[in-house]
PDB file of N, CA and C in Angstrom:
ATOM      1  N   MET A   1       6.277  35.813  31.452  1.00  0.00           N
ATOM      2  CA  MET A   1       5.934  35.275  30.145  1.00  0.00           C
ATOM      3  C   MET A   1       6.341  33.795  30.106  1.00  0.00           C
ATOM      4  N   ASN A   2       5.403  32.928  29.704  1.00  0.00           N
ATOM      5  CA  ASN A   2       5.747  31.511  29.647  1.00  0.00           C
ATOM      6  C   ASN A   2       6.360  31.149  28.284  1.00  0.00           C
ATOM      7  N   LYS A   3       6.770  29.904  28.149  1.00  0.00           N
ATOM      8  CA  LYS A   3       7.502  29.471  26.957  1.00  0.00           C
ATOM      9  C   LYS A   3       6.684  29.633  25.670  1.00  0.00           C
ATOM     10  N   SER A   4       5.380  29.338  25.716  1.00  0.00           N
ATOM     11  CA  SER A   4       4.562  29.433  24.503  1.00  0.00           C
ATOM     12  C   SER A   4       4.360  30.878  24.049  1.00  0.00           C
ATOM     13  N   GLU A   5       4.436  31.830  24.944  1.00  0.00           N
ATOM     14  CA  GLU A   5       4.284  33.235  24.568  1.00  0.00           C
ATOM     15  C   GLU A   5       5.540  33.778  23.887  1.00  0.00           C
ATOM     16  N   LYS A   6       6.665  33.148  24.094  1.00  0.00           N
ATOM     17  CA  LYS A   6       7.924  33.590  23.493  1.00  0.00           C
ATOM     18  C   LYS A   6       8.100  33.062  22.070  1.00  0.00           C
ATOM     19  N   ASN A   7       7.551  31.892  21.776  1.00  0.00           N
ATOM     20  CA  ASN A   7       7.752  31.248  20.481  1.00  0.00           C
ATOM     21  C   ASN A   7       6.672  31.651  19.484  1.00  0.00           C
ATOM     22  N   ASP A   8       7.067  31.750  18.224  1.00  0.00           N
ATOM     23  CA  ASP A   8       6.104  31.969  17.152  1.00  0.00           C
ATOM     24  C   ASP A   8       5.437  30.637  16.825  1.00  0.00           C
ATOM     25  N   TYR A   9       4.140  30.671  16.568  1.00  0.00           N
ATOM     26  CA  TYR A   9       3.430  29.446  16.197  1.00  0.00           C
ATOM     27  C   TYR A   9       3.726  29.050  14.754  1.00  0.00           C
ATOM     28  N   ALA A  10       3.721  30.017  13.869  1.00  0.00           N
ATOM     29  CA  ALA A  10       3.986  29.742  12.455  1.00  0.00           C
ATOM     30  C   ALA A  10       4.416  31.027  11.767  1.00  0.00           C
ATOM     31  N   LYS A  11       5.100  30.861  10.670  1.00  0.00           N
ATOM     32  CA  LYS A  11       5.491  32.006   9.856  1.00  0.00           C
ATOM     33  C   LYS A  11       5.138  31.690   8.410  1.00  0.00           C
ATOM     34  N   ALA A  12       4.601  32.668   7.725  1.00  0.00           N
ATOM     35  CA  ALA A  12       4.278  32.500   6.308  1.00  0.00           C
ATOM     36  C   ALA A  12       5.438  33.013   5.470  1.00  0.00           C
ATOM     37  N   PHE A  13       5.751  32.291   4.429  1.00  0.00           N
ATOM     38  CA  PHE A  13       6.774  32.720   3.488  1.00  0.00           C
ATOM     39  C   PHE A  13       6.104  32.899   2.138  1.00  0.00           C
ATOM     40  N   ILE A  14       6.038  34.123   1.669  1.00  0.00           N
ATOM     41  CA  ILE A  14       5.372  34.434   0.414  1.00  0.00           C
ATOM     42  C   ILE A  14       6.383  35.067  -0.532  1.00  0.00           C
ATOM     43  N   ILE A  15       6.535  34.464  -1.683  1.00  0.00           N
ATOM     44  CA  ILE A  15       7.476  34.974  -2.676  1.00  0.00           C
ATOM     45  C   ILE A  15       6.847  36.175  -3.379  1.00  0.00           C
ATOM     46  N   PRO A  16       7.541  37.316  -3.415  1.00  0.00           N
ATOM     47  CA  PRO A  16       7.002  38.480  -4.131  1.00  0.00           C
ATOM     48  C   PRO A  16       6.842  38.178  -5.623  1.00  0.00           C
ATOM     49  N   GLN A  17       5.691  38.552  -6.166  1.00  0.00           N
ATOM     50  CA  GLN A  17       5.416  38.311  -7.570  1.00  0.00           C
ATOM     51  C   GLN A  17       4.868  39.572  -8.216  1.00  0.00           C
ATOM     52  N   LYS A  18       5.023  39.670  -9.524  1.00  0.00           N
ATOM     53  CA  LYS A  18       4.440  40.782 -10.267  1.00  0.00           C
ATOM     54  C   LYS A  18       2.941  40.544 -10.407  1.00  0.00           C
ATOM     55  N   TYR A  19       2.173  41.622 -10.353  1.00  0.00           N
ATOM     56  CA  TYR A  19       0.737  41.527 -10.595  1.00  0.00           C
ATOM     57  C   TYR A  19       0.512  41.573 -12.100  1.00  0.00           C
ATOM     58  N   GLU A  20       0.079  40.463 -12.677  1.00  0.00           N
ATOM     59  CA  GLU A  20      -0.156  40.361 -14.110  1.00  0.00           C
ATOM     60  C   GLU A  20      -1.581  39.892 -14.365  1.00  0.00           C
ATOM     61  N   ASN A  21      -2.097  40.202 -15.538  1.00  0.00           N
ATOM     62  CA  ASN A  21      -3.454  39.811 -15.939  1.00  0.00           C
ATOM     63  C   ASN A  21      -4.497  40.291 -14.940  1.00  0.00           C
ATOM     64  N   ILE A  22      -4.443  41.577 -14.624  1.00  0.00           N
ATOM     65  CA  ILE A  22      -5.351  42.179 -13.656  1.00  0.00           C
ATOM     66  C   ILE A  22      -6.665  42.559 -14.347  1.00  0.00           C
ATOM     67  N   ILE A  23      -7.772  42.293 -13.670  1.00  0.00           N
ATOM     68  CA  ILE A  23      -9.107  42.633 -14.161  1.00  0.00           C
ATOM     69  C   ILE A  23      -9.481  44.010 -13.623  1.00  0.00           C
ATOM     70  N   ASN A  24     -10.320  44.744 -14.341  1.00  0.00           N
ATOM     71  CA  ASN A  24     -10.735  46.058 -13.855  1.00  0.00           C
ATOM     72  C   ASN A  24     -11.545  45.914 -12.563  1.00  0.00           C
ATOM     73  N   PRO A  25     -11.533  46.920 -11.701  1.00  0.00           N
ATOM     74  CA  PRO A  25     -12.143  46.817 -10.367  1.00  0.00           C
ATOM     75  C   PRO A  25     -13.620  46.428 -10.347  1.00  0.00           C
ATOM     76  N   LYS A  26     -14.430  46.955 -11.259  1.00  0.00           N
ATOM     77  CA  LYS A  26     -15.860  46.604 -11.274  1.00  0.00           C
ATOM     78  C   LYS A  26     -16.062  45.120 -11.566  1.00  0.00           C
ATOM     79  N   ALA A  27     -15.360  44.615 -12.560  1.00  0.00           N
ATOM     80  CA  ALA A  27     -15.470  43.197 -12.907  1.00  0.00           C
ATOM     81  C   ALA A  27     -14.904  42.328 -11.791  1.00  0.00           C
ATOM     82  N   ALA A  28     -13.829  42.776 -11.161  1.00  0.00           N
ATOM     83  CA  ALA A  28     -13.205  42.010 -10.078  1.00  0.00           C
ATOM     84  C   ALA A  28     -14.154  41.847  -8.896  1.00  0.00           C
ATOM     85  N   LEU A  29     -14.891  42.888  -8.554  1.00  0.00           N
ATOM     86  CA  LEU A  29     -15.867  42.778  -7.469  1.00  0.00           C
ATOM     87  C   LEU A  29     -16.974  41.794  -7.818  1.00  0.00           C
ATOM     88  N   LYS A  30     -17.326  41.737  -9.072  1.00  0.00           N
ATOM     89  CA  LYS A  30     -18.397  40.845  -9.517  1.00  0.00           C
ATOM     90  C   LYS A  30     -17.969  39.373  -9.474  1.00  0.00           C
ATOM     91  N   ILE A  31     -16.719  39.096  -9.849  1.00  0.00           N
ATOM     92  CA  ILE A  31     -16.268  37.701  -9.926  1.00  0.00           C
ATOM     93  C   ILE A  31     -15.465  37.242  -8.711  1.00  0.00           C
ATOM     94  N   GLY A  32     -15.035  38.180  -7.856  1.00  0.00           N
ATOM     95  CA  GLY A  32     -14.387  37.793  -6.606  1.00  0.00           C
ATOM     96  C   GLY A  32     -12.875  37.731  -6.612  1.00  0.00           C
ATOM     97  N   THR A  33     -12.229  38.161  -7.669  1.00  0.00           N
ATOM     98  CA  THR A  33     -10.770  38.189  -7.712  1.00  0.00           C
ATOM     99  C   THR A  33     -10.311  39.265  -8.686  1.00  0.00           C
ATOM    100  N   ILE A  34      -9.130  39.829  -8.426  1.00  0.00           N
ATOM    101  CA  ILE A  34      -8.574  40.802  -9.373  1.00  0.00           C
ATOM    102  C   ILE A  34      -7.667  40.119 -10.387  1.00  0.00           C
ATOM    103  N   PHE A  35      -7.372  38.848 -10.171  1.00  0.00           N
ATOM    104  CA  PHE A  35      -6.442  38.121 -11.031  1.00  0.00           C
ATOM    105  C   PHE A  35      -7.200  37.255 -12.030  1.00  0.00           C
ATOM    106  N   ASN A  36      -7.028  37.552 -13.298  1.00  0.00           N
ATOM    107  CA  ASN A  36      -7.713  36.804 -14.343  1.00  0.00           C
ATOM    108  C   ASN A  36      -7.304  35.329 -14.334  1.00  0.00           C
ATOM    109  N   ASP A  37      -6.070  35.033 -13.987  1.00  0.00           N
ATOM    110  CA  ASP A  37      -5.589  33.649 -13.968  1.00  0.00           C
ATOM    111  C   ASP A  37      -6.264  32.806 -12.885  1.00  0.00           C
ATOM    112  N   LEU A  38      -6.784  33.434 -11.837  1.00  0.00           N
ATOM    113  CA  LEU A  38      -7.436  32.697 -10.754  1.00  0.00           C
ATOM    114  C   LEU A  38      -8.930  32.502 -10.979  1.00  0.00           C
ATOM    115  N   TYR A  39      -9.496  33.158 -11.964  1.00  0.00           N
ATOM    116  CA  TYR A  39     -10.933  33.080 -12.197  1.00  0.00           C
ATOM    117  C   TYR A  39     -11.284  31.779 -12.899  1.00  0.00           C
ATOM    118  N   LYS A  40     -11.965  30.904 -12.200  1.00  0.00           N
ATOM    119  CA  LYS A  40     -12.405  29.621 -12.740  1.00  0.00           C
ATOM    120  C   LYS A  40     -13.888  29.446 -12.418  1.00  0.00           C
ATOM    121  N   PRO A  41     -14.766  29.949 -13.288  1.00  0.00           N
ATOM    122  CA  PRO A  41     -16.201  29.856 -12.992  1.00  0.00           C
ATOM    123  C   PRO A  41     -16.698  28.413 -13.074  1.00  0.00           C
ATOM    124  N   TYR A  42     -17.706  28.126 -12.269  1.00  0.00           N
ATOM    125  CA  TYR A  42     -18.351  26.815 -12.339  1.00  0.00           C
ATOM    126  C   TYR A  42     -19.200  26.763 -13.593  1.00  0.00           C
ATOM    127  N   LYS A  43     -19.195  25.637 -14.244  1.00  0.00           N
ATOM    128  CA  LYS A  43     -20.001  25.471 -15.445  1.00  0.00           C
ATOM    129  C   LYS A  43     -21.279  24.728 -15.078  1.00  0.00           C
ATOM    130  N   ALA A  44     -22.393  25.241 -15.551  1.00  0.00           N
ATOM    131  CA  ALA A  44     -23.682  24.603 -15.285  1.00  0.00           C
ATOM    132  C   ALA A  44     -23.828  23.370 -16.173  1.00  0.00           C
ATOM    133  N   TYR A  45     -24.386  22.331 -15.612  1.00  0.00           N
ATOM    134  CA  TYR A  45     -24.649  21.126 -16.381  1.00  0.00           C
ATOM    135  C   TYR A  45     -25.897  20.459 -15.822  1.00  0.00           C
ATOM    136  N   ASP A  46     -26.520  19.654 -16.641  1.00  0.00           N
ATOM    137  CA  ASP A  46     -27.725  18.936 -16.218  1.00  0.00           C
ATOM    138  C   ASP A  46     -27.332  17.657 -15.504  1.00  0.00           C
ATOM    139  N   LYS A  47     -27.950  17.442 -14.357  1.00  0.00           N
ATOM    140  CA  LYS A  47     -27.713  16.199 -13.619  1.00  0.00           C
ATOM    141  C   LYS A  47     -28.742  15.172 -14.092  1.00  0.00           C
ATOM    142  N   LYS A  48     -28.294  14.230 -14.861  1.00  0.00           N
ATOM    143  CA  LYS A  48     -29.193  13.185 -15.368  1.00  0.00           C
ATOM    144  C   LYS A  48     -28.703  11.836 -14.865  1.00  0.00           C
ATOM    145  N   TYR A  49     -29.264  11.429 -13.731  1.00  0.00           N
ATOM    146  CA  TYR A  49     -28.934  10.105 -13.200  1.00  0.00           C
ATOM    147  C   TYR A  49     -30.029   9.579 -12.347  1.00  0.00           C
TER     148      TYR A  49
END
């Protein structure tokens, strides 16, 4: 085993959090997230230039 195989490339550190503001599963599949706080839909606007 060489030196690069012994070392970790990176480690993720994720703080445990409570799941809050959860969307129901059907709606979550439609919008792409189960977390209501992360849902930021794009707003349609007219490009006039």
